[in-house]
């Protein structure tokens, strides 16, 4: 989905969607000329070393058991100086700080894969890892990337009366709902 959304903005570039799910690949192939099966661990991505200019890694890292190996694999396929564009929910989002003070489980966090317990929302999203702005910067840098920019973005699930506040929080990535990170392979 992220690759299909980016494709119209990147005319003249070959965009390849990669997923492990056959269902996701079927949906992507309806919108992208290239969609291939690949994994960030195990057999790895179906690309040679250093052959990719940029990787869009959107809303994935928080679902992974082994995010270290995933970044190693992304680094392997990126050319030197290649770009990593990563997005993930922010554990320290402005509303999560208030929820924790009230003794409520933060949004985006899971205690079960079967049901939502102790936090707002109804959907189990399967997040295994959560990052603050500082933790994300340090993690990506330790994986062999130079962090170029960290920005904040709003979350579509914020209730309508609070959306203006959510957009304002984006001015300080450490308070934003979503973290957007741009890094380069060193």
Protein backbone atom coordinates (compact mmCIF):
# COMPACT_ATOMS: atom_id res chain seq x y z
CA UNK A 1 0.00 0.00 0.00
CA UNK A 2 2.77 2.46 0.89
CA UNK A 3 4.61 1.76 -2.38
CA UNK A 4 1.41 2.18 -4.40
CA UNK A 5 0.74 5.49 -2.66
CA UNK A 6 4.30 6.71 -3.33
CA UNK A 7 4.43 5.57 -6.98
CA UNK A 8 2.50 8.53 -8.51
CA UNK A 9 4.84 10.94 -6.69
CA UNK A 10 7.95 9.23 -8.06
CA UNK A 11 7.35 9.13 -11.79
CA UNK A 12 10.42 8.00 -13.69
CA UNK A 13 11.47 5.65 -10.89
CA UNK A 14 10.91 1.91 -10.70
CA UNK A 15 8.93 1.22 -7.53
CA UNK A 16 8.91 -2.33 -6.21
CA UNK A 17 6.48 -3.39 -3.49
CA UNK A 18 7.73 -6.17 -1.25
CA UNK A 19 5.64 -8.21 1.16
CA UNK A 20 5.58 -11.75 2.53
CA UNK A 21 1.77 -12.00 2.42
CA UNK A 22 0.30 -13.42 -0.80
CA UNK A 23 -2.93 -11.52 -0.11
CA UNK A 24 -1.06 -8.21 0.24
CA UNK A 25 0.90 -8.95 -2.95
CA UNK A 26 -2.32 -9.62 -4.87
CA UNK A 27 -3.72 -6.25 -3.75
CA UNK A 28 -0.44 -4.46 -4.54
CA UNK A 29 -0.19 -5.96 -8.04
CA UNK A 30 -3.48 -4.28 -8.91
CA UNK A 31 -1.81 -0.88 -8.30
CA UNK A 32 1.91 -1.49 -8.95
CA UNK A 33 3.77 -2.94 -11.92
CA UNK A 34 6.26 -4.70 -9.62
CA UNK A 35 5.29 -6.50 -6.41
CA UNK A 36 7.47 -9.34 -5.19
CA UNK A 37 7.56 -11.69 -2.23
CA UNK A 38 10.37 -11.08 0.20
CA UNK A 39 11.28 -11.26 3.86
CA UNK A 40 13.44 -9.13 6.09
CA UNK A 41 14.80 -12.24 7.79
CA UNK A 42 15.24 -15.82 6.63
CA UNK A 43 15.79 -15.79 2.88
CA UNK A 44 15.98 -11.99 2.84
CA UNK A 45 14.94 -9.52 0.18
CA UNK A 46 15.14 -10.62 -3.45
CA UNK A 47 17.72 -7.98 -4.40
CA UNK A 48 21.49 -7.88 -4.85
CA UNK A 49 23.74 -6.02 -2.42
CA UNK A 50 23.72 -2.24 -2.89
CA UNK A 51 21.24 -2.12 -5.78
CA UNK A 52 18.42 -0.06 -4.22
CA UNK A 53 18.31 3.74 -4.05
CA UNK A 54 15.63 4.07 -1.38
CA UNK A 55 13.51 1.96 0.95
CA UNK A 56 10.13 3.06 2.24
CA UNK A 57 9.68 1.15 5.52
CA UNK A 58 6.28 2.37 6.62
CA UNK A 59 4.52 1.07 9.74
CA UNK A 60 6.48 -2.20 9.77
CA UNK A 61 9.29 -2.04 12.35
CA UNK A 62 6.87 -2.06 15.29
CA UNK A 63 5.54 -5.48 14.20
CA UNK A 64 8.88 -7.28 13.98
CA UNK A 65 10.33 -9.81 16.38
CA UNK A 66 13.85 -9.02 15.11
CA UNK A 67 14.05 -5.39 13.96
CA UNK A 68 17.88 -5.49 14.09
CA UNK A 69 18.07 -8.12 11.34
CA UNK A 70 15.47 -6.22 9.32
CA UNK A 71 17.61 -3.05 9.32
CA UNK A 72 20.68 -5.14 8.48
CA UNK A 73 18.85 -6.50 5.42
CA UNK A 74 17.68 -3.04 4.36
CA UNK A 75 21.23 -1.74 4.75
CA UNK A 76 22.51 -4.65 2.63
CA UNK A 77 20.28 -3.84 -0.35
CA UNK A 78 20.73 -0.05 -0.16
CA UNK A 79 23.55 1.51 -2.14
CA UNK A 80 26.02 3.63 -0.11
CA UNK A 81 24.23 6.92 0.50
CA UNK A 82 20.86 5.24 -0.20
CA UNK A 83 17.80 6.50 1.64
CA UNK A 84 15.71 4.86 4.34
CA UNK A 85 12.31 6.40 4.95
CA UNK A 86 10.75 4.88 8.07
CA UNK A 87 7.52 5.57 9.93
CA UNK A 88 6.33 4.11 13.22
CA UNK A 89 3.97 5.04 16.06
CA UNK A 90 5.48 7.13 18.88
CA UNK A 91 5.26 5.54 22.32
CA UNK A 92 5.75 9.01 23.86
CA UNK A 93 2.95 10.68 21.86
CA UNK A 94 1.31 13.55 23.76
CA UNK A 95 -1.82 11.55 24.63
CA UNK A 96 0.17 8.46 25.72
CA UNK A 97 1.94 10.59 28.31
CA UNK A 98 -1.42 11.55 29.78
CA UNK A 99 -2.74 7.99 29.60
CA UNK A 100 0.29 6.66 31.50
CA UNK A 101 -0.15 9.29 34.20
CA UNK A 102 -3.74 8.07 34.56
CA UNK A 103 -2.61 4.43 34.76
CA UNK A 104 -3.94 3.54 31.30
CA UNK A 105 -2.06 1.38 28.78
CA UNK A 106 -0.68 3.61 25.94
CA UNK A 107 -2.28 3.67 22.50
CA UNK A 108 -0.40 1.46 19.99
CA UNK A 109 0.76 -0.93 22.74
CA UNK A 110 -0.49 -4.48 23.15
CA UNK A 111 -0.65 -6.82 26.10
CA UNK A 112 -2.46 -9.53 24.10
CA UNK A 113 -2.85 -10.54 20.47
CA UNK A 114 -6.44 -11.69 21.12
CA UNK A 115 -8.09 -8.57 22.51
CA UNK A 116 -7.49 -4.98 23.61
CA UNK A 117 -6.92 -4.67 27.35
CA UNK A 118 -6.38 -1.53 29.40
CA UNK A 119 -6.08 0.97 26.55
CA UNK A 120 -8.35 2.98 24.24
CA UNK A 121 -9.37 1.43 20.94
CA UNK A 122 -10.94 -1.80 19.75
CA UNK A 123 -8.44 -3.14 17.25
CA UNK A 124 -5.54 -5.43 18.10
CA UNK A 125 -2.75 -4.12 15.88
CA UNK A 126 0.02 -6.59 16.70
CA UNK A 127 2.72 -4.15 17.78
CA UNK A 128 5.67 -5.91 19.37
CA UNK A 129 8.06 -2.93 19.56
CA UNK A 130 7.43 0.68 20.41
CA UNK A 131 9.82 3.58 19.92
CA UNK A 132 10.27 7.06 21.30
CA UNK A 133 11.96 9.65 19.08
CA UNK A 134 15.24 9.21 20.96
CA UNK A 135 15.13 5.39 20.88
CA UNK A 136 14.37 5.37 17.15
CA UNK A 137 17.26 7.72 16.34
CA UNK A 138 19.70 5.66 18.42
CA UNK A 139 18.46 2.34 17.01
CA UNK A 140 18.75 3.43 13.37
CA UNK A 141 22.17 5.05 13.92
CA UNK A 142 23.48 1.90 15.64
CA UNK A 143 22.38 -0.07 12.56
CA UNK A 144 24.76 1.82 10.25
CA UNK A 145 22.63 4.73 9.13
CA UNK A 146 23.08 8.47 9.44
CA UNK A 147 19.85 10.08 10.63
CA UNK A 148 19.09 13.02 8.32
CA UNK A 149 15.78 14.15 9.79
CA UNK A 150 13.16 13.10 12.29
CA UNK A 151 9.71 14.62 11.96
CA UNK A 152 6.27 14.06 13.42
CA UNK A 153 2.97 13.23 11.76
CA UNK A 154 -0.63 13.04 13.00
CA UNK A 155 -2.52 9.78 13.58
CA UNK A 156 -5.78 9.17 11.71
CA UNK A 157 -7.30 7.48 14.79
CA UNK A 158 -7.24 10.55 17.02
CA UNK A 159 -10.81 11.61 17.86
CA UNK A 160 -12.03 14.55 15.75
CA UNK A 161 -12.13 17.12 18.60
CA UNK A 162 -8.43 16.45 19.33
CA UNK A 163 -7.09 16.43 15.76
CA UNK A 164 -5.99 20.08 15.81
CA UNK A 165 -3.95 19.39 18.96
CA UNK A 166 -2.49 16.28 17.30
CA UNK A 167 -1.39 18.36 14.30
CA UNK A 168 0.17 20.95 16.63
CA UNK A 169 2.14 18.22 18.43
CA UNK A 170 3.82 17.36 15.12
CA UNK A 171 6.00 20.46 15.53
CA UNK A 172 7.88 18.50 18.23
CA UNK A 173 8.54 14.96 17.00
CA UNK A 174 9.01 13.74 20.57
CA UNK A 175 5.29 14.53 21.15
CA UNK A 176 3.88 13.56 17.73
CA UNK A 177 1.65 10.54 17.17
CA UNK A 178 3.78 9.13 14.36
CA UNK A 179 7.54 9.35 13.89
CA UNK A 180 8.87 9.92 10.35
CA UNK A 181 12.57 9.23 10.00
CA UNK A 182 14.83 9.87 7.00
CA UNK A 183 18.26 8.25 7.17
CA UNK A 184 21.09 7.46 4.75
CA UNK A 185 23.17 4.34 4.56
CA UNK A 186 26.73 5.23 5.66
